[in-house]
Amino acid sequence: MHWFFLGVAILFETIGTTALQASQQFSRLGPSILVVVAYGFSFYLLALVLKYIPVGVAYAIWSGLGICLIAAIGYLVFGQRLDMPAVVGIAMIIAGIVVINVFSDSALH
């Protein structure tokens, strides 16, 4: 269940960050409220996950997948372009998450 909570925490962190862009520096009320609610829920779920997964592993997965999802949303929704070094860097983040989950004894399964 803790992996499900981590996935939902990543989803809400991604929603919060997308709303942060849409809030236009907190000048729009709706997206600004969504930022606070989404980040709050994300951190709450992340805190629950830390009962079962070490903080370094949980945070690496949470932030790494969040970065990759936000880069994809930036590309698809906001028209932000990624150059080759950015794509390679994101691929390395994904590879790091796979290594943690497949090979590390710290990532409890």
N, C-alpha and C. Protein backbone atom coordinates (compact mmCIF):
# COMPACT_ATOMS: atom_id res chain seq x y z
N MET A 1 0.82 -1.19 0.00
CA MET A 1 0.00 0.00 0.00
C MET A 1 0.87 1.26 0.00
N HIS A 2 2.07 1.17 0.61
CA HIS A 2 2.93 2.35 0.67
C HIS A 2 3.40 2.77 -0.72
N TRP A 3 3.56 1.82 -1.66
CA TRP A 3 3.95 2.20 -3.02
C TRP A 3 2.80 2.93 -3.72
N PHE A 4 1.57 2.51 -3.44
CA PHE A 4 0.41 3.22 -3.98
C PHE A 4 0.38 4.65 -3.45
N PHE A 5 0.59 4.81 -2.13
CA PHE A 5 0.61 6.15 -1.53
C PHE A 5 1.71 7.01 -2.15
N LEU A 6 2.86 6.41 -2.40
CA LEU A 6 3.95 7.17 -3.02
C LEU A 6 3.55 7.61 -4.43
N GLY A 7 2.90 6.74 -5.17
CA GLY A 7 2.44 7.10 -6.51
C GLY A 7 1.43 8.24 -6.49
N VAL A 8 0.50 8.19 -5.54
CA VAL A 8 -0.50 9.26 -5.42
C VAL A 8 0.17 10.55 -4.96
N ALA A 9 1.17 10.45 -4.08
CA ALA A 9 1.92 11.64 -3.64
C ALA A 9 2.62 12.28 -4.83
N ILE A 10 3.20 11.47 -5.70
CA ILE A 10 3.86 11.99 -6.90
C ILE A 10 2.83 12.65 -7.81
N LEU A 11 1.68 12.04 -7.96
CA LEU A 11 0.62 12.61 -8.79
C LEU A 11 0.21 13.99 -8.26
N PHE A 12 -0.01 14.11 -6.94
CA PHE A 12 -0.43 15.39 -6.39
C PHE A 12 0.69 16.43 -6.42
N GLU A 13 1.94 15.99 -6.29
CA GLU A 13 3.06 16.93 -6.42
C GLU A 13 3.10 17.47 -7.84
N THR A 14 2.83 16.62 -8.81
CA THR A 14 2.81 17.03 -10.21
C THR A 14 1.65 17.99 -10.48
N ILE A 15 0.50 17.70 -9.90
CA ILE A 15 -0.65 18.60 -10.03
C ILE A 15 -0.32 19.96 -9.41
N GLY A 16 0.29 19.95 -8.23
CA GLY A 16 0.66 21.19 -7.57
C GLY A 16 1.64 22.02 -8.37
N THR A 17 2.62 21.37 -8.95
CA THR A 17 3.62 22.10 -9.73
C THR A 17 3.02 22.63 -11.02
N THR A 18 2.15 21.87 -11.64
CA THR A 18 1.47 22.35 -12.84
C THR A 18 0.60 23.55 -12.49
N ALA A 19 -0.11 23.48 -11.37
CA ALA A 19 -0.94 24.61 -10.93
C ALA A 19 -0.07 25.81 -10.58
N LEU A 20 1.14 25.56 -10.09
CA LEU A 20 2.06 26.66 -9.77
C LEU A 20 2.37 27.46 -11.03
N GLN A 21 2.61 26.77 -12.12
CA GLN A 21 2.84 27.45 -13.41
C GLN A 21 1.58 28.20 -13.82
N ALA A 22 0.43 27.56 -13.68
CA ALA A 22 -0.83 28.17 -14.10
C ALA A 22 -1.27 29.33 -13.19
N SER A 23 -0.75 29.38 -11.97
CA SER A 23 -1.15 30.44 -11.04
C SER A 23 -0.58 31.80 -11.42
N GLN A 24 0.40 31.80 -12.32
CA GLN A 24 1.06 33.03 -12.76
C GLN A 24 1.56 33.83 -11.56
N GLN A 25 2.47 33.22 -10.82
CA GLN A 25 3.09 33.82 -9.63
C GLN A 25 2.04 34.17 -8.58
N PHE A 26 1.09 33.25 -8.35
CA PHE A 26 0.02 33.38 -7.36
C PHE A 26 -0.90 34.57 -7.62
N SER A 27 -1.01 34.99 -8.87
CA SER A 27 -1.91 36.10 -9.19
C SER A 27 -3.30 35.60 -9.60
N ARG A 28 -3.47 34.29 -9.76
CA ARG A 28 -4.77 33.70 -10.09
C ARG A 28 -5.20 32.83 -8.92
N LEU A 29 -6.39 33.09 -8.37
CA LEU A 29 -6.83 32.46 -7.13
C LEU A 29 -7.02 30.95 -7.25
N GLY A 30 -7.73 30.48 -8.26
CA GLY A 30 -8.02 29.05 -8.39
C GLY A 30 -6.77 28.18 -8.43
N PRO A 31 -5.86 28.44 -9.37
CA PRO A 31 -4.64 27.64 -9.40
C PRO A 31 -3.79 27.80 -8.14
N SER A 32 -3.83 28.97 -7.51
CA SER A 32 -3.05 29.20 -6.28
C SER A 32 -3.57 28.31 -5.14
N ILE A 33 -4.89 28.21 -5.03
CA ILE A 33 -5.48 27.33 -4.01
C ILE A 33 -5.13 25.88 -4.31
N LEU A 34 -5.18 25.50 -5.57
CA LEU A 34 -4.84 24.13 -5.97
C LEU A 34 -3.39 23.81 -5.62
N VAL A 35 -2.49 24.76 -5.77
CA VAL A 35 -1.08 24.55 -5.40
C VAL A 35 -0.98 24.14 -3.93
N VAL A 36 -1.61 24.91 -3.06
CA VAL A 36 -1.51 24.67 -1.62
C VAL A 36 -2.14 23.32 -1.25
N VAL A 37 -3.32 23.04 -1.79
CA VAL A 37 -4.01 21.79 -1.47
C VAL A 37 -3.24 20.59 -2.00
N ALA A 38 -2.80 20.66 -3.24
CA ALA A 38 -2.09 19.53 -3.85
C ALA A 38 -0.76 19.26 -3.16
N TYR A 39 0.01 20.31 -2.88
CA TYR A 39 1.28 20.10 -2.18
C TYR A 39 1.04 19.57 -0.76
N GLY A 40 0.03 20.10 -0.09
CA GLY A 40 -0.27 19.63 1.26
C GLY A 40 -0.61 18.15 1.27
N PHE A 41 -1.47 17.72 0.36
CA PHE A 41 -1.83 16.31 0.29
C PHE A 41 -0.64 15.45 -0.11
N SER A 42 0.17 15.96 -1.03
CA SER A 42 1.35 15.23 -1.46
C SER A 42 2.33 15.00 -0.31
N PHE A 43 2.59 16.05 0.46
CA PHE A 43 3.51 15.91 1.59
C PHE A 43 2.93 15.02 2.68
N TYR A 44 1.63 15.08 2.88
CA TYR A 44 0.98 14.20 3.86
C TYR A 44 1.19 12.73 3.47
N LEU A 45 0.92 12.41 2.21
CA LEU A 45 1.11 11.03 1.75
C LEU A 45 2.58 10.63 1.79
N LEU A 46 3.47 11.54 1.44
CA LEU A 46 4.89 11.23 1.52
C LEU A 46 5.29 10.92 2.95
N ALA A 47 4.75 11.65 3.89
CA ALA A 47 5.03 11.39 5.31
C ALA A 47 4.56 9.99 5.71
N LEU A 48 3.40 9.57 5.22
CA LEU A 48 2.92 8.22 5.52
C LEU A 48 3.86 7.16 4.94
N VAL A 49 4.35 7.42 3.74
CA VAL A 49 5.25 6.48 3.07
C VAL A 49 6.54 6.29 3.86
N LEU A 50 6.98 7.35 4.55
CA LEU A 50 8.26 7.30 5.26
C LEU A 50 8.24 6.34 6.45
N LYS A 51 7.07 5.82 6.81
CA LYS A 51 7.00 4.77 7.83
C LYS A 51 7.58 3.45 7.30
N TYR A 52 7.58 3.30 5.97
CA TYR A 52 7.95 2.02 5.36
C TYR A 52 9.16 2.09 4.44
N ILE A 53 9.41 3.23 3.85
CA ILE A 53 10.51 3.38 2.90
C ILE A 53 11.48 4.43 3.45
N PRO A 54 12.79 4.16 3.43
CA PRO A 54 13.75 5.16 3.92
C PRO A 54 13.60 6.49 3.19
N VAL A 55 13.81 7.58 3.92
CA VAL A 55 13.56 8.92 3.39
C VAL A 55 14.36 9.20 2.11
N GLY A 56 15.60 8.76 2.04
CA GLY A 56 16.42 9.02 0.85
C GLY A 56 15.86 8.34 -0.39
N VAL A 57 15.41 7.12 -0.23
CA VAL A 57 14.85 6.36 -1.35
C VAL A 57 13.49 6.95 -1.75
N ALA A 58 12.63 7.19 -0.76
CA ALA A 58 11.31 7.73 -1.05
C ALA A 58 11.41 9.09 -1.73
N TYR A 59 12.28 9.94 -1.21
CA TYR A 59 12.41 11.28 -1.78
C TYR A 59 13.03 11.24 -3.16
N ALA A 60 13.99 10.34 -3.38
CA ALA A 60 14.60 10.22 -4.70
C ALA A 60 13.55 9.81 -5.74
N ILE A 61 12.70 8.87 -5.39
CA ILE A 61 11.66 8.42 -6.31
C ILE A 61 10.62 9.52 -6.50
N TRP A 62 10.18 10.13 -5.38
CA TRP A 62 9.16 11.18 -5.42
C TRP A 62 9.61 12.37 -6.27
N SER A 63 10.81 12.84 -6.00
CA SER A 63 11.29 14.02 -6.73
C SER A 63 11.68 13.66 -8.16
N GLY A 64 12.31 12.51 -8.35
CA GLY A 64 12.75 12.11 -9.69
C GLY A 64 11.60 11.92 -10.65
N LEU A 65 10.59 11.16 -10.23
CA LEU A 65 9.44 10.97 -11.11
C LEU A 65 8.67 12.27 -11.28
N GLY A 66 8.63 13.09 -10.23
CA GLY A 66 7.99 14.40 -10.35
C GLY A 66 8.67 15.25 -11.41
N ILE A 67 9.99 15.25 -11.42
CA ILE A 67 10.75 16.01 -12.43
C ILE A 67 10.40 15.52 -13.83
N CYS A 68 10.39 14.22 -14.02
CA CYS A 68 10.11 13.66 -15.34
C CYS A 68 8.69 13.99 -15.79
N LEU A 69 7.72 13.86 -14.89
CA LEU A 69 6.34 14.16 -15.24
C LEU A 69 6.14 15.64 -15.55
N ILE A 70 6.75 16.50 -14.74
CA ILE A 70 6.63 17.94 -14.98
C ILE A 70 7.29 18.33 -16.30
N ALA A 71 8.41 17.72 -16.63
CA ALA A 71 9.04 18.01 -17.92
C ALA A 71 8.12 17.60 -19.07
N ALA A 72 7.45 16.46 -18.93
CA ALA A 72 6.52 16.02 -19.96
C ALA A 72 5.31 16.95 -20.05
N ILE A 73 4.77 17.36 -18.90
CA ILE A 73 3.64 18.29 -18.88
C ILE A 73 4.05 19.64 -19.46
N GLY A 74 5.24 20.10 -19.10
CA GLY A 74 5.73 21.36 -19.67
C GLY A 74 5.80 21.31 -21.17
N TYR A 75 6.24 20.18 -21.69
CA TYR A 75 6.33 20.00 -23.13
C TYR A 75 4.95 19.94 -23.78
N LEU A 76 4.07 19.10 -23.21
CA LEU A 76 2.76 18.86 -23.82
C LEU A 76 1.76 19.99 -23.60
N VAL A 77 1.75 20.56 -22.39
CA VAL A 77 0.72 21.55 -22.04
C VAL A 77 1.18 22.98 -22.27
N PHE A 78 2.41 23.28 -21.86
CA PHE A 78 2.89 24.66 -21.91
C PHE A 78 3.80 24.95 -23.10
N GLY A 79 4.04 23.94 -23.95
CA GLY A 79 4.85 24.15 -25.14
C GLY A 79 6.33 24.40 -24.87
N GLN A 80 6.81 23.96 -23.73
CA GLN A 80 8.22 24.15 -23.39
C GLN A 80 9.05 23.06 -24.07
N ARG A 81 10.09 23.44 -24.72
CA ARG A 81 10.92 22.50 -25.48
C ARG A 81 12.10 22.02 -24.63
N LEU A 82 12.47 20.78 -24.87
CA LEU A 82 13.63 20.18 -24.19
C LEU A 82 14.72 19.92 -25.21
N ASP A 83 15.95 20.36 -24.90
CA ASP A 83 17.05 20.04 -25.80
C ASP A 83 17.60 18.66 -25.44
N MET A 84 18.54 18.18 -26.24
CA MET A 84 19.06 16.83 -26.06
C MET A 84 19.69 16.61 -24.68
N PRO A 85 20.49 17.54 -24.15
CA PRO A 85 21.03 17.31 -22.81
C PRO A 85 19.93 17.15 -21.75
N ALA A 86 18.82 17.90 -21.89
CA ALA A 86 17.70 17.76 -20.94
C ALA A 86 17.07 16.38 -21.07
N VAL A 87 16.88 15.91 -22.29
CA VAL A 87 16.29 14.58 -22.51
C VAL A 87 17.20 13.49 -21.94
N VAL A 88 18.49 13.62 -22.16
CA VAL A 88 19.45 12.64 -21.63
C VAL A 88 19.43 12.67 -20.10
N GLY A 89 19.40 13.85 -19.52
CA GLY A 89 19.34 13.97 -18.06
C GLY A 89 18.09 13.34 -17.48
N ILE A 90 16.96 13.56 -18.12
CA ILE A 90 15.70 12.96 -17.64
C ILE A 90 15.76 11.44 -17.79
N ALA A 91 16.34 10.96 -18.87
CA ALA A 91 16.51 9.50 -19.04
C ALA A 91 17.40 8.94 -17.93
N MET A 92 18.41 9.69 -17.53
CA MET A 92 19.29 9.22 -16.45
C MET A 92 18.54 9.20 -15.11
N ILE A 93 17.65 10.15 -14.89
CA ILE A 93 16.83 10.14 -13.67
C ILE A 93 15.97 8.88 -13.65
N ILE A 94 15.32 8.59 -14.77
CA ILE A 94 14.48 7.39 -14.84
C ILE A 94 15.33 6.14 -14.62
N ALA A 95 16.51 6.09 -15.22
CA ALA A 95 17.40 4.94 -15.03
C ALA A 95 17.79 4.80 -13.57
N GLY A 96 18.04 5.91 -12.89
CA GLY A 96 18.38 5.87 -11.47
C GLY A 96 17.26 5.32 -10.63
N ILE A 97 16.04 5.71 -10.94
CA ILE A 97 14.88 5.19 -10.21
C ILE A 97 14.73 3.69 -10.43
N VAL A 98 14.94 3.24 -11.66
CA VAL A 98 14.88 1.81 -11.95
C VAL A 98 15.95 1.06 -11.18
N VAL A 99 17.17 1.59 -11.14
CA VAL A 99 18.26 0.93 -10.40
C VAL A 99 17.91 0.82 -8.92
N ILE A 100 17.38 1.88 -8.34
CA ILE A 100 16.98 1.85 -6.92
C ILE A 100 15.95 0.75 -6.70
N ASN A 101 14.93 0.71 -7.54
CA ASN A 101 13.84 -0.24 -7.33
C ASN A 101 14.21 -1.68 -7.64
N VAL A 102 15.09 -1.89 -8.58
CA VAL A 102 15.43 -3.25 -8.98
C VAL A 102 16.58 -3.83 -8.16
N PHE A 103 17.58 -3.01 -7.85
CA PHE A 103 18.80 -3.55 -7.27
C PHE A 103 19.05 -3.19 -5.80
N SER A 104 18.40 -2.17 -5.30
CA SER A 104 18.71 -1.72 -3.95
C SER A 104 17.91 -2.48 -2.90
N ASP A 105 18.59 -2.88 -1.85
CA ASP A 105 17.91 -3.50 -0.72
C ASP A 105 17.22 -2.44 0.14
N SER A 106 17.53 -1.17 -0.08
CA SER A 106 16.90 -0.09 0.67
C SER A 106 15.46 0.15 0.24
N ALA A 107 15.15 -0.17 -1.02
CA ALA A 107 13.78 -0.01 -1.53
C ALA A 107 12.99 -1.25 -1.15
N LEU A 108 12.25 -1.15 -0.06
CA LEU A 108 11.48 -2.29 0.42
C LEU A 108 10.34 -2.61 -0.52
N HIS A 109 10.22 -3.88 -0.90
CA HIS A 109 9.15 -4.27 -1.84
C HIS A 109 8.13 -5.13 -1.14
